[in-house]
Protein backbone atom coordinates (compact mmCIF):
# COMPACT_ATOMS: atom_id res chain seq x y z
CA UNK A 1 116.39 136.41 113.77
CA UNK A 2 115.10 134.58 110.83
CA UNK A 3 115.81 137.09 107.93
CA UNK A 4 119.42 137.35 109.36
CA UNK A 5 119.97 133.89 109.28
CA UNK A 6 118.43 133.49 105.80
CA UNK A 7 121.24 136.08 104.76
CA UNK A 8 123.75 134.39 106.45
CA UNK A 9 123.27 131.75 104.16
CA UNK A 10 123.22 132.95 101.53
CA UNK A 11 126.09 134.76 101.76
CA UNK A 12 127.52 131.72 102.36
CA UNK A 13 126.02 130.54 99.15
CA UNK A 14 127.74 134.22 97.39
CA UNK A 15 124.04 134.91 96.04
CA UNK A 16 122.76 138.83 96.10
CA UNK A 17 119.04 138.81 96.92
CA UNK A 18 116.03 141.20 96.11
CA UNK A 19 113.83 139.69 97.56
CA UNK A 20 113.16 137.34 99.44
CA UNK A 21 109.55 134.40 100.12
CA UNK A 22 108.60 131.57 101.85
CA UNK A 23 107.25 129.22 99.86
CA UNK A 24 107.34 126.70 102.56
CA UNK A 25 107.70 125.95 106.25
CA UNK A 26 106.67 123.32 107.73
CA UNK A 27 108.05 122.12 111.27
CA UNK A 28 110.48 118.45 110.97
CA UNK A 29 109.55 119.17 107.02
CA UNK A 30 111.51 121.26 104.78
CA UNK A 31 111.57 124.79 104.02
CA UNK A 32 111.67 127.04 100.81
CA UNK A 33 112.25 130.47 99.94
CA UNK A 34 111.50 132.01 96.43
CA UNK A 35 115.08 133.58 96.08
CA UNK A 36 115.04 136.61 94.30
CA UNK A 37 117.69 137.15 92.91
CA UNK A 38 119.63 141.22 92.01
CA UNK A 39 120.14 139.74 87.62
CA UNK A 40 115.77 139.32 87.69
CA UNK A 41 116.69 134.93 87.85
CA UNK A 42 113.98 133.85 90.56
CA UNK A 43 115.94 129.88 92.43
CA UNK A 44 114.32 128.62 95.55
CA UNK A 45 117.01 128.20 98.63
CA UNK A 46 115.96 125.50 100.67
CA UNK A 47 116.52 124.21 104.01
CA UNK A 48 116.64 120.29 104.51
CA UNK A 49 114.91 118.64 107.33
CA UNK A 50 116.55 117.47 110.46
CA UNK A 51 117.30 114.50 109.94
CA UNK A 52 118.80 114.38 106.62
CA UNK A 53 122.59 113.33 106.16
CA UNK A 54 124.44 113.66 103.39
CA UNK A 55 124.76 110.92 101.56
CA UNK A 56 120.85 111.42 100.77
CA UNK A 57 120.70 114.30 99.57
CA UNK A 58 123.49 113.16 97.76
CA UNK A 59 120.97 110.92 96.12
CA UNK A 60 118.81 112.98 95.42
CA UNK A 61 119.91 115.71 93.45
CA UNK A 62 121.57 112.71 91.45
CA UNK A 63 118.52 112.08 90.12
CA UNK A 64 117.27 115.31 89.94
CA UNK A 65 120.63 115.69 87.27
CA UNK A 66 120.00 113.47 85.94
CA UNK A 67 115.89 114.56 84.42
CA UNK A 68 117.51 117.73 83.93
CA UNK A 69 119.65 116.93 81.80
CA UNK A 70 116.65 114.98 80.39
CA UNK A 71 114.64 117.79 79.07
CA UNK A 72 112.79 118.28 82.72
CA UNK A 73 112.06 120.85 84.36
CA UNK A 74 112.85 119.65 88.42
CA UNK A 75 114.03 121.15 91.26
CA UNK A 76 117.78 121.06 90.89
CA UNK A 77 120.24 122.15 92.00
CA UNK A 78 122.65 125.16 91.30
CA UNK A 79 126.33 124.58 93.43
CA UNK A 80 126.71 122.61 96.26
CA UNK A 81 125.06 121.70 99.23
CA UNK A 82 126.60 123.48 102.15
CA UNK A 83 126.37 123.43 105.53
CA UNK A 84 125.63 125.80 108.15
CA UNK A 85 123.73 126.35 111.40
CA UNK A 86 123.20 122.41 111.83
CA UNK A 87 121.44 121.68 108.79
CA UNK A 88 121.98 121.26 104.74
CA UNK A 89 121.17 123.93 102.01
CA UNK A 90 120.82 124.29 99.40
CA UNK A 91 120.09 126.91 95.82
CA UNK A 92 117.94 124.93 93.18
CA UNK A 93 116.12 125.56 90.10
CA UNK A 94 112.59 127.07 90.92
CA UNK A 95 110.13 125.14 89.09
CA UNK A 96 106.98 126.79 87.01
CA UNK A 97 103.39 127.10 87.40
CA UNK A 98 101.49 125.56 89.98
CA UNK A 99 98.96 122.02 90.82
CA UNK A 100 94.98 121.39 89.64
CA UNK A 101 94.22 120.50 92.70
CA UNK A 102 90.77 119.72 91.97
CA UNK A 103 91.86 117.36 88.93
CA UNK A 104 89.12 116.12 85.74
CA UNK A 105 89.23 113.27 85.11
CA UNK A 106 91.30 114.26 81.54
CA UNK A 107 93.28 116.09 83.63
CA UNK A 108 93.80 112.81 85.94
CA UNK A 109 94.42 110.70 82.76
CA UNK A 110 97.76 113.79 82.05
CA UNK A 111 98.50 112.84 85.17
CA UNK A 112 99.35 109.30 84.87
CA UNK A 113 101.09 109.63 81.09
CA UNK A 114 103.38 111.87 82.63
CA UNK A 115 103.79 109.83 85.81
CA UNK A 116 104.70 106.60 82.73
CA UNK A 117 107.08 109.04 81.02
CA UNK A 118 109.20 110.32 83.80
CA UNK A 119 109.58 106.63 84.48
CA UNK A 120 110.50 105.85 81.36
CA UNK A 121 113.33 108.73 81.61
CA UNK A 122 114.29 107.04 84.99
CA UNK A 123 113.98 104.07 83.61
CA UNK A 124 118.05 101.77 84.34
CA UNK A 125 119.14 104.91 86.31
CA UNK A 126 119.01 102.49 89.07
CA UNK A 127 121.48 100.41 88.09
CA UNK A 128 123.90 103.15 88.40
CA UNK A 129 122.28 104.10 92.41
CA UNK A 130 120.98 101.16 94.01
CA UNK A 131 119.22 101.94 96.29
CA UNK A 132 119.12 106.08 98.15
CA UNK A 133 121.29 105.25 101.87
CA UNK A 134 118.72 104.02 104.36
CA UNK A 135 115.42 103.34 102.60
CA UNK A 136 114.32 99.84 101.32
CA UNK A 137 111.71 98.94 98.74
CA UNK A 138 107.68 98.76 100.28
CA UNK A 139 107.46 94.83 99.10
CA UNK A 140 110.72 93.60 101.09
CA UNK A 141 109.90 95.59 104.67
CA UNK A 142 106.66 97.52 106.84
CA UNK A 143 108.28 100.37 105.84
CA UNK A 144 110.37 102.03 103.70
CA UNK A 145 113.12 103.68 106.16
CA UNK A 146 115.07 101.09 107.07
CA UNK A 147 115.98 103.53 110.50
CA UNK A 148 112.44 102.61 111.47
CA UNK A 149 112.45 100.04 113.99
CA UNK A 150 108.82 98.77 113.64
CA UNK A 151 108.91 96.60 116.20
CA UNK A 152 110.08 99.28 118.85
CA UNK A 153 108.22 101.38 118.29
CA UNK A 154 104.74 99.54 117.89
CA UNK A 155 106.31 98.17 121.75
CA UNK A 156 105.65 101.96 122.65
CA UNK A 157 102.99 103.01 121.39
CA UNK A 158 101.63 99.58 122.86
CA UNK A 159 102.26 101.52 126.41
CA UNK A 160 99.55 104.16 126.01
CA UNK A 161 96.98 103.30 122.55
CA UNK A 162 96.77 99.71 122.46
CA UNK A 163 94.47 99.18 120.67
CA UNK A 164 95.26 100.96 118.09
CA UNK A 165 98.76 98.79 118.44
CA UNK A 166 96.99 95.98 117.83
CA UNK A 167 95.10 96.45 114.61
CA UNK A 168 98.54 98.11 113.44
CA UNK A 169 100.58 94.93 113.92
CA UNK A 170 97.34 93.12 113.04
CA UNK A 171 96.96 95.33 109.50
CA UNK A 172 101.65 94.93 108.77
CA UNK A 173 100.66 90.62 109.38
CA UNK A 174 97.72 91.46 107.04
CA UNK A 175 100.22 92.92 104.40
CA UNK A 176 102.95 90.89 104.49
CA UNK A 177 101.24 88.11 104.37
CA UNK A 178 99.11 89.41 101.31
CA UNK A 179 102.37 89.61 99.51
CA UNK A 180 103.80 87.45 100.03
CA UNK A 181 101.77 85.09 98.35
CA UNK A 182 101.82 86.61 95.45
CA UNK A 183 105.30 86.32 94.58
CA UNK A 184 106.61 89.67 95.17
CA UNK A 185 110.44 88.85 95.57
CA UNK A 186 110.84 88.39 91.68
CA UNK A 187 109.22 92.89 91.57
CA UNK A 188 110.72 94.63 89.20
CA UNK A 189 112.20 97.83 90.53
CA UNK A 190 113.73 101.53 88.76
CA UNK A 191 114.24 104.53 90.81
CA UNK A 192 110.71 106.68 91.26
CA UNK A 193 109.82 109.84 92.15
CA UNK A 194 108.46 109.42 96.07
CA UNK A 195 105.48 111.29 95.80
CA UNK A 196 103.89 111.82 92.81
CA UNK A 197 100.70 113.07 93.70
CA UNK A 198 98.64 116.13 92.50
CA UNK A 199 100.13 118.60 94.47
CA UNK A 200 103.70 117.80 93.07
CA UNK A 201 102.97 118.19 89.75
CA UNK A 202 102.91 122.37 87.73
CA UNK A 203 100.90 122.28 84.55
CA UNK A 204 100.45 125.15 82.62
CA UNK A 205 98.45 127.06 79.72
CA UNK A 206 100.82 124.75 77.94
CA UNK A 207 101.13 121.61 79.25
CA UNK A 208 103.20 119.92 82.12
CA UNK A 209 105.23 122.66 83.44
CA UNK A 210 107.50 120.03 85.96
CA UNK A 211 107.83 118.18 88.16
CA UNK A 212 109.08 119.25 92.22
CA UNK A 213 109.12 117.65 95.52
CA UNK A 214 111.70 114.61 95.43
CA UNK A 215 112.47 114.07 98.66
CA UNK A 216 111.00 110.37 98.58
CA UNK A 217 112.75 110.12 95.36
CA UNK A 218 114.17 105.73 96.62
CA UNK A 219 114.92 102.56 94.45
CA UNK A 220 110.73 100.69 94.98
CA UNK A 221 108.49 99.22 92.40
CA UNK A 222 105.63 101.54 89.93
CA UNK A 223 103.12 99.68 92.15
CA UNK A 224 103.99 101.89 94.83
CA UNK A 225 104.57 104.60 93.03
CA UNK A 226 100.81 104.01 91.34
CA UNK A 227 100.64 104.05 96.04
CA UNK A 228 101.87 107.11 97.07
CA UNK A 229 100.31 109.66 93.94
CA UNK A 230 97.52 108.68 95.35
CA UNK A 231 95.91 107.09 92.62
CA UNK A 232 92.93 105.14 95.18
CA UNK A 233 91.42 108.29 94.18
CA UNK A 234 92.04 108.77 90.43
CA UNK A 235 91.65 105.16 88.44
CA UNK A 236 91.87 107.42 85.22
CA UNK A 237 95.78 108.07 86.60
CA UNK A 238 96.35 104.42 86.74
CA UNK A 239 94.26 103.58 83.29
CA UNK A 240 96.49 106.16 81.14
CA UNK A 241 100.12 105.97 83.05
CA UNK A 242 99.68 101.88 82.49
CA UNK A 243 98.17 102.51 78.18
CA UNK A 244 101.66 104.68 77.97
CA UNK A 245 103.72 102.57 78.86
CA UNK A 246 102.48 99.58 76.82
CA UNK A 247 102.44 101.50 73.51
CA UNK A 248 105.76 102.92 75.07
CA UNK A 249 107.19 98.23 74.95
CA UNK A 250 107.59 98.17 78.35
CA UNK A 251 103.97 97.18 80.25
CA UNK A 252 103.35 95.89 83.72
CA UNK A 253 103.70 92.35 84.28
CA UNK A 254 101.22 90.22 85.68
CA UNK A 255 103.07 89.79 88.98
CA UNK A 256 103.71 93.76 89.13
CA UNK A 257 99.26 94.38 88.45
CA UNK A 258 98.78 91.98 90.70
CA UNK A 259 100.38 94.06 93.02
CA UNK A 260 99.46 96.88 93.32
CA UNK A 261 96.67 97.10 95.66
CA UNK A 262 97.44 94.85 98.04
CA UNK A 263 100.90 96.89 97.50
CA UNK A 264 98.94 100.55 98.46
CA UNK A 265 97.79 98.34 101.46
CA UNK A 266 101.60 97.82 102.65
CA UNK A 267 102.06 101.72 101.77
CA UNK A 268 99.26 102.24 104.27
CA UNK A 269 100.51 100.83 107.12
CA UNK A 270 104.23 102.26 106.78
CA UNK A 271 103.12 105.55 106.62
CA UNK A 272 101.46 104.23 110.06
CA UNK A 273 104.79 103.57 110.76
CA UNK A 274 106.10 106.67 110.23
CA UNK A 275 103.42 108.20 111.91
CA UNK A 276 104.47 105.75 115.37
CA UNK A 277 108.10 106.50 114.83
CA UNK A 278 107.36 110.15 114.86
CA UNK A 279 105.45 110.49 117.27
CA UNK A 280 108.03 108.28 120.22
CA UNK A 281 110.80 110.90 119.31
CA UNK A 282 108.73 113.61 120.27
CA UNK A 283 106.18 112.07 122.43
CA UNK A 284 103.13 113.12 121.06
CA UNK A 285 100.93 110.79 118.53
CA UNK A 286 98.98 111.72 115.75
CA UNK A 287 95.80 108.92 116.92
CA UNK A 288 93.61 110.85 114.31
CA UNK A 289 96.29 110.52 111.13
CA UNK A 290 96.82 106.38 112.31
CA UNK A 291 93.84 106.30 112.49
CA UNK A 292 92.40 107.86 109.40
CA UNK A 293 95.71 105.06 107.27
CA UNK A 294 94.03 101.75 109.38
CA UNK A 295 90.96 102.14 108.25
CA UNK A 296 91.83 102.18 104.86
CA UNK A 297 93.29 98.64 105.16
CA UNK A 298 91.07 95.91 104.66
CA UNK A 299 92.46 94.86 108.05
CA UNK A 300 89.12 95.42 110.16
CA UNK A 301 89.88 97.42 114.12
CA UNK A 302 90.09 95.42 116.70
């Protein structure tokens, strides 16, 4: 069944494949297949998640094309988006190399420097693209997703898990209070990758091979990028990132430095918001994940 669907999509895209290999096939997420072409070319066929909107993907592709034009190896689109069998599809460039899952200290620093270089390549792009449709900066709301109704999701969750709902509410209030005290209204923003953790940065023997998974790219702050890059487990990456930007005359300013930890806590409440919204839609809540995120905030359980 799936092989027939893939064959249909490739026919629509006018691509002849000699071999198709699954790269990622997760429920509710993006799905990817490595497509070996009859000329020996390797491309990736993507089927975007069910909630993906055309204007949302156009924005993501604009970011990818910008980086590709500036010499970055990223999964930039080959051709246009195609709507088929209820979803959006596209061919993209194959990014070689692979992630370093268990980074050494030097490898963490390397990833921090590479993130700084990526931000330098993206600097100023927000003035041309604006904000991604359906998104907002983390320091402006509980969730970066404008379609998540935090209050409604929390109310639904409270009917079945009142203790965790109380904890989630308190954690969100605490995060907003701390960010307000810092004065994050003046926090600078840029187009961020949105998920620059070690799994999405590819290396080979020569060094950086490419960067993948721009599904969360949008306009946000540099402290947010550090949070979603999971740098709490790689502090050396933050140090190297900070040093590289200082050498490029674009250092973190005081409000950014002050916001790094509070935005990390806000990011955790955003993860909870996504879980509550998703659980409310599918009818099953991942309470273990919700509690794990709340434990990473400074707010104690009720």
